[in-house]
Amino acid sequence: MNPTAHPTNNATLWCLLPAAGIGQRMGADLPKQYLPLANQTLIEITLSRLHLAFPHAILVLPLHPEDLWWPAAEQRWLKRYPNAKLLTCLGGKERADSVLNGLDALAAFAQPDDWVLVHDVARPCVTQQDLHHLYAVLENHPVGGLLAAPVADTMKRGSDTNQVSATVDRHQLWHALTPQMFRFNKLSSALSKGLAAGLNLTDESSALEAAGFQPLLIAGRRDNIKITNPEDLPFAAQLLSHQSTHQPTTLENN
């Protein structure tokens, strides 16, 4: 393998989508990334969003070791996008483990200042507008940042018995979204050290924060939802239909 991907400068862009989860909360008989959505599967739509936004980027998929569904999905997707650059590797127990496994798989190819864009495979509604905006804002940033949405609701802190213990000031509070994009060496080092220290790394930004960095928050669209529960799927289908009629389509050109 000799991957190259230079969207606008000399830094290669790697798009990493941890896909080793089994989606227990969906109550389905297969992982949620393979559930049907808009005449495809969730994972195929998410991959398409990233590929169409960054046609020259390399897509990296850490997969569950017992994943039986990916080969068929891969065949369908590559038939649609035969020029796409796609790399798979084994995922880990938790999200951070899968991301680090993906970074380890790239260690022989990636340069320290390359960009790694990590996106939830269960966020198929991310728009090209947000993807391009994220990259444009961070292109010359020394560390990286993430899409996020300012908190709009009143925030409550609950007790162990689900009673309100306090109302939290929502000023300067954000909902962390994905993609989150960081320099390869900084992300790899932060994840390695954080996992070795036993930290609870719920996203890539938390690893960078623990390492002493301050990732940049970039306002993103609120329709960039994450498929978590069964009712999220029909909602996502509605959002995708709305986006297709209200957003310009970027054709593959690679």
Protein backbone atom coordinates (compact mmCIF):
# COMPACT_ATOMS: atom_id res chain seq x y z
CA MET A 1 0.00 0.00 0.00
CA ASN A 2 1.31 3.42 -0.92
CA PRO A 3 -1.49 5.85 -0.03
CA THR A 4 -1.45 9.52 -0.94
CA ALA A 5 -4.10 12.09 -0.17
CA HIS A 6 -3.44 15.79 -0.37
CA PRO A 7 -6.72 17.74 -0.21
CA THR A 8 -5.20 21.24 -0.28
CA ASN A 9 -1.68 21.04 1.13
CA ASN A 10 1.11 18.58 1.92
CA ALA A 11 -0.68 17.01 4.87
CA THR A 12 -2.35 13.71 4.08
CA LEU A 13 -5.94 13.37 5.26
CA TRP A 14 -6.98 10.08 6.82
CA CYS A 15 -10.68 9.57 7.60
CA LEU A 16 -11.02 7.06 10.42
CA LEU A 17 -14.42 5.57 11.26
CA PRO A 18 -14.40 3.21 14.25
CA ALA A 19 -16.92 0.51 13.31
CA ALA A 20 -16.32 -2.29 15.81
CA GLY A 21 -19.41 -1.67 17.93
CA ILE A 22 -22.36 -4.00 18.16
CA GLY A 23 -25.06 -1.41 18.93
CA GLN A 24 -26.75 -3.19 21.84
CA ARG A 25 -29.23 -0.38 22.48
CA MET A 26 -30.73 -0.81 19.02
CA GLY A 27 -32.12 -4.23 19.93
CA ALA A 28 -31.38 -5.54 16.44
CA ASP A 29 -29.93 -8.87 15.34
CA LEU A 30 -27.00 -7.21 13.60
CA PRO A 31 -24.71 -4.25 14.38
CA LYS A 32 -26.45 -0.91 13.86
CA GLN A 33 -24.00 0.20 11.17
CA TYR A 34 -25.50 -2.47 8.90
CA LEU A 35 -29.14 -1.58 9.49
CA PRO A 36 -31.03 -0.43 6.38
CA LEU A 37 -31.26 3.32 5.84
CA ALA A 38 -32.42 5.15 2.71
CA ASN A 39 -32.09 2.02 0.52
CA GLN A 40 -28.53 1.40 1.69
CA THR A 41 -26.96 0.56 5.03
CA LEU A 42 -25.98 3.13 7.62
CA ILE A 43 -22.25 2.50 7.17
CA GLU A 44 -22.45 2.89 3.38
CA ILE A 45 -24.15 6.27 3.67
CA THR A 46 -21.64 7.54 6.23
CA LEU A 47 -18.70 6.39 4.12
CA SER A 48 -20.23 8.10 1.09
CA ARG A 49 -20.57 11.39 2.96
CA LEU A 50 -16.88 11.45 3.80
CA HIS A 51 -15.71 10.18 0.43
CA LEU A 52 -17.72 12.70 -1.55
CA ALA A 53 -16.46 15.52 0.66
CA PHE A 54 -12.82 14.39 0.45
CA PRO A 55 -12.44 12.15 -2.63
CA HIS A 56 -8.67 11.81 -2.24
CA ALA A 57 -8.64 10.95 1.45
CA ILE A 58 -7.97 7.41 2.69
CA LEU A 59 -10.85 5.85 4.63
CA VAL A 60 -9.81 3.68 7.57
CA LEU A 61 -12.27 1.25 9.18
CA PRO A 62 -11.43 -0.60 12.43
CA LEU A 63 -13.87 -3.54 12.43
CA HIS A 64 -15.04 -6.11 14.94
CA PRO A 65 -13.04 -9.36 14.56
CA GLU A 66 -16.29 -11.31 14.04
CA ASP A 67 -17.88 -8.87 11.62
CA LEU A 68 -19.77 -10.98 9.06
CA TRP A 69 -21.53 -8.12 7.28
CA TRP A 70 -18.70 -5.90 6.06
CA PRO A 71 -17.62 -7.92 2.98
CA ALA A 72 -21.02 -7.55 1.33
CA ALA A 73 -21.28 -3.88 2.26
CA GLU A 74 -17.75 -3.24 1.01
CA GLN A 75 -18.50 -4.91 -2.32
CA ARG A 76 -21.62 -2.79 -2.84
CA TRP A 77 -19.88 0.42 -1.79
CA LEU A 78 -16.75 -0.06 -3.89
CA LYS A 79 -18.91 -0.84 -6.89
CA ARG A 80 -20.44 2.60 -6.40
CA TYR A 81 -17.08 4.31 -5.75
CA PRO A 82 -14.41 2.21 -7.45
CA ASN A 83 -11.71 4.85 -7.02
CA ALA A 84 -12.13 5.15 -3.27
CA LYS A 85 -9.13 4.35 -1.06
CA LEU A 86 -10.19 2.06 1.76
CA LEU A 87 -8.21 0.34 4.51
CA THR A 88 -9.56 -1.97 7.23
CA CYS A 89 -8.03 -3.20 10.47
CA LEU A 90 -9.17 -4.88 13.68
CA GLY A 91 -11.07 -2.71 16.12
CA GLY A 92 -10.82 -2.78 19.88
CA LYS A 93 -13.08 -3.20 22.89
CA GLU A 94 -13.85 0.50 23.27
CA ARG A 95 -13.96 3.40 20.83
CA ALA A 96 -10.56 4.74 21.92
CA ASP A 97 -9.01 1.29 21.43
CA SER A 98 -10.41 1.10 17.90
CA VAL A 99 -9.15 4.55 17.00
CA LEU A 100 -5.70 3.74 18.35
CA ASN A 101 -5.68 0.46 16.41
CA GLY A 102 -6.49 2.44 13.29
CA LEU A 103 -3.66 4.85 13.98
CA ASP A 104 -1.27 1.96 14.57
CA ALA A 105 -2.28 0.52 11.19
CA LEU A 106 -1.28 3.84 9.62
CA ALA A 107 1.99 4.27 11.48
CA ALA A 108 4.08 3.04 8.56
CA PHE A 109 2.46 5.51 6.16
CA ALA A 110 1.38 8.61 8.07
CA GLN A 111 3.54 11.64 8.76
CA PRO A 112 3.49 13.36 12.18
CA ASP A 113 1.54 16.39 10.92
CA ASP A 114 -0.95 14.48 8.81
CA TRP A 115 -4.60 15.04 9.63
CA VAL A 116 -6.76 12.28 11.10
CA LEU A 117 -10.47 12.99 10.84
CA VAL A 118 -12.38 10.66 13.18
CA HIS A 119 -16.10 10.32 12.57
CA ASP A 120 -18.82 8.22 14.18
CA VAL A 121 -19.99 5.65 11.68
CA ALA A 122 -23.44 6.15 13.25
CA ARG A 123 -23.61 9.81 12.12
CA PRO A 124 -24.79 9.46 8.49
CA CYS A 125 -26.33 12.94 8.31
CA VAL A 126 -23.13 14.96 8.49
CA THR A 127 -23.13 17.44 5.60
CA GLN A 128 -20.38 18.26 3.14
CA GLN A 129 -20.79 21.88 4.23
CA ASP A 130 -19.79 20.98 7.79
CA LEU A 131 -17.01 18.66 6.65
CA HIS A 132 -15.46 21.29 4.41
CA HIS A 133 -15.87 24.00 7.05
CA LEU A 134 -14.12 21.87 9.67
CA TYR A 135 -11.18 21.22 7.39
CA ALA A 136 -10.93 24.84 6.24
CA VAL A 137 -10.88 26.20 9.80
CA LEU A 138 -8.33 23.66 11.05
CA GLU A 139 -6.12 23.38 7.96
CA ASN A 140 -3.25 25.36 9.50
CA HIS A 141 -4.02 24.68 13.17
CA PRO A 142 -1.18 23.05 15.16
CA VAL A 143 -3.46 20.63 17.07
CA GLY A 144 -6.99 20.29 15.72
CA GLY A 145 -10.57 20.50 16.88
CA LEU A 146 -14.08 19.19 16.58
CA LEU A 147 -17.56 19.96 15.38
CA ALA A 148 -19.82 20.88 18.26
CA ALA A 149 -23.19 22.48 18.95
CA PRO A 150 -23.80 25.08 21.68
CA VAL A 151 -26.20 23.77 24.32
CA ALA A 152 -29.65 25.28 23.76
CA ASP A 153 -31.65 23.53 26.50
CA THR A 154 -31.76 24.14 30.23
CA MET A 155 -29.30 21.70 31.80
CA LYS A 156 -30.11 19.78 34.98
CA ARG A 157 -27.79 17.75 37.19
CA GLY A 158 -29.55 14.70 38.62
CA SER A 159 -29.06 12.74 41.82
CA ASP A 160 -28.63 8.98 42.13
CA THR A 161 -32.42 8.77 42.46
CA ASN A 162 -33.03 10.88 39.36
CA GLN A 163 -34.09 13.95 41.31
CA VAL A 164 -32.87 17.38 40.25
CA SER A 165 -29.90 18.40 42.36
CA ALA A 166 -28.97 21.56 40.44
CA THR A 167 -29.58 23.62 37.33
CA VAL A 168 -26.33 23.95 35.42
CA ASP A 169 -25.35 27.20 33.72
CA ARG A 170 -25.36 26.34 30.01
CA HIS A 171 -23.20 29.33 29.09
CA GLN A 172 -20.14 28.05 27.18
CA LEU A 173 -21.44 24.44 27.24
CA TRP A 174 -21.29 22.54 23.95
CA HIS A 175 -22.50 19.17 22.67
CA ALA A 176 -19.46 17.39 21.22
CA LEU A 177 -20.11 16.02 17.74
CA THR A 178 -17.96 14.38 15.11
CA PRO A 179 -15.91 14.61 13.00
CA GLN A 180 -13.04 15.45 15.30
CA MET A 181 -9.79 16.17 13.46
CA PHE A 182 -6.28 16.17 14.93
CA ARG A 183 -2.66 15.92 13.89
CA PHE A 184 -1.59 12.28 13.63
CA ASN A 185 1.28 12.37 16.12
CA LYS A 186 -0.63 14.35 18.75
CA LEU A 187 -3.71 12.14 18.56
CA SER A 188 -1.71 8.92 18.62
CA SER A 189 0.40 10.02 21.59
CA ALA A 190 -2.58 11.38 23.55
CA LEU A 191 -4.65 8.21 23.07
CA SER A 192 -1.73 5.93 23.97
CA LYS A 193 -0.95 7.82 27.16
CA GLY A 194 -4.58 8.23 28.13
CA LEU A 195 -5.40 4.56 27.74
CA ALA A 196 -2.22 3.54 29.59
CA ALA A 197 -3.30 5.79 32.45
CA GLY A 198 -6.75 4.21 32.56
CA LEU A 199 -8.56 7.41 31.63
CA ASN A 200 -12.16 7.31 30.41
CA LEU A 201 -11.67 8.66 26.90
CA THR A 202 -15.16 9.12 25.48
CA ASP A 203 -13.94 10.96 22.38
CA GLU A 204 -10.70 12.03 20.74
CA SER A 205 -10.89 15.54 22.15
CA SER A 206 -10.91 14.21 25.70
CA ALA A 207 -7.60 12.47 25.03
CA LEU A 208 -6.06 15.70 23.69
CA GLU A 209 -7.46 17.63 26.64
CA ALA A 210 -5.90 15.16 29.08
CA ALA A 211 -2.59 15.69 27.30
CA GLY A 212 -2.76 19.42 27.96
CA PHE A 213 -4.11 20.68 24.63
CA GLN A 214 -7.14 22.86 23.98
CA PRO A 215 -8.93 21.63 20.83
CA LEU A 216 -10.86 24.19 18.82
CA LEU A 217 -14.66 24.09 18.97
CA ILE A 218 -16.28 24.61 15.55
CA ALA A 219 -20.02 25.14 15.39
CA GLY A 220 -21.74 22.41 13.40
CA ARG A 221 -25.28 21.65 12.27
CA ARG A 222 -27.71 20.15 14.77
CA ASP A 223 -28.99 17.61 12.24
CA ASN A 224 -25.66 15.76 12.56
CA ILE A 225 -27.38 13.23 14.81
CA LYS A 226 -25.98 9.97 16.12
CA ILE A 227 -27.99 6.78 15.60
CA THR A 228 -28.26 5.29 19.09
CA ASN A 229 -31.86 4.14 19.64
CA PRO A 230 -34.41 2.53 17.28
CA GLU A 231 -36.40 5.75 16.88
CA ASP A 232 -33.30 7.50 15.53
CA LEU A 233 -33.38 5.56 12.24
CA PRO A 234 -36.66 6.92 10.81
CA PHE A 235 -35.65 10.40 11.99
CA ALA A 236 -32.33 10.06 10.16
CA ALA A 237 -34.17 8.92 7.04
CA GLN A 238 -36.28 12.09 7.16
CA LEU A 239 -33.19 14.24 7.64
CA LEU A 240 -31.39 12.60 4.72
CA SER A 241 -34.43 13.12 2.49
CA HIS A 242 -34.63 16.78 3.53
CA GLN A 243 -30.91 17.31 2.98
CA SER A 244 -31.04 15.74 -0.47
CA THR A 245 -33.61 18.29 -1.59
CA HIS A 246 -32.05 21.31 0.11
CA GLN A 247 -28.30 20.73 -0.19
CA PRO A 248 -26.09 20.83 -3.30
CA THR A 249 -24.64 17.48 -4.30
CA THR A 250 -20.91 17.13 -4.85
CA LEU A 251 -20.13 14.53 -7.48
CA GLU A 252 -17.18 12.20 -7.15
CA ASN A 253 -14.22 13.48 -9.11
CA ASN A 254 -11.20 11.26 -8.60
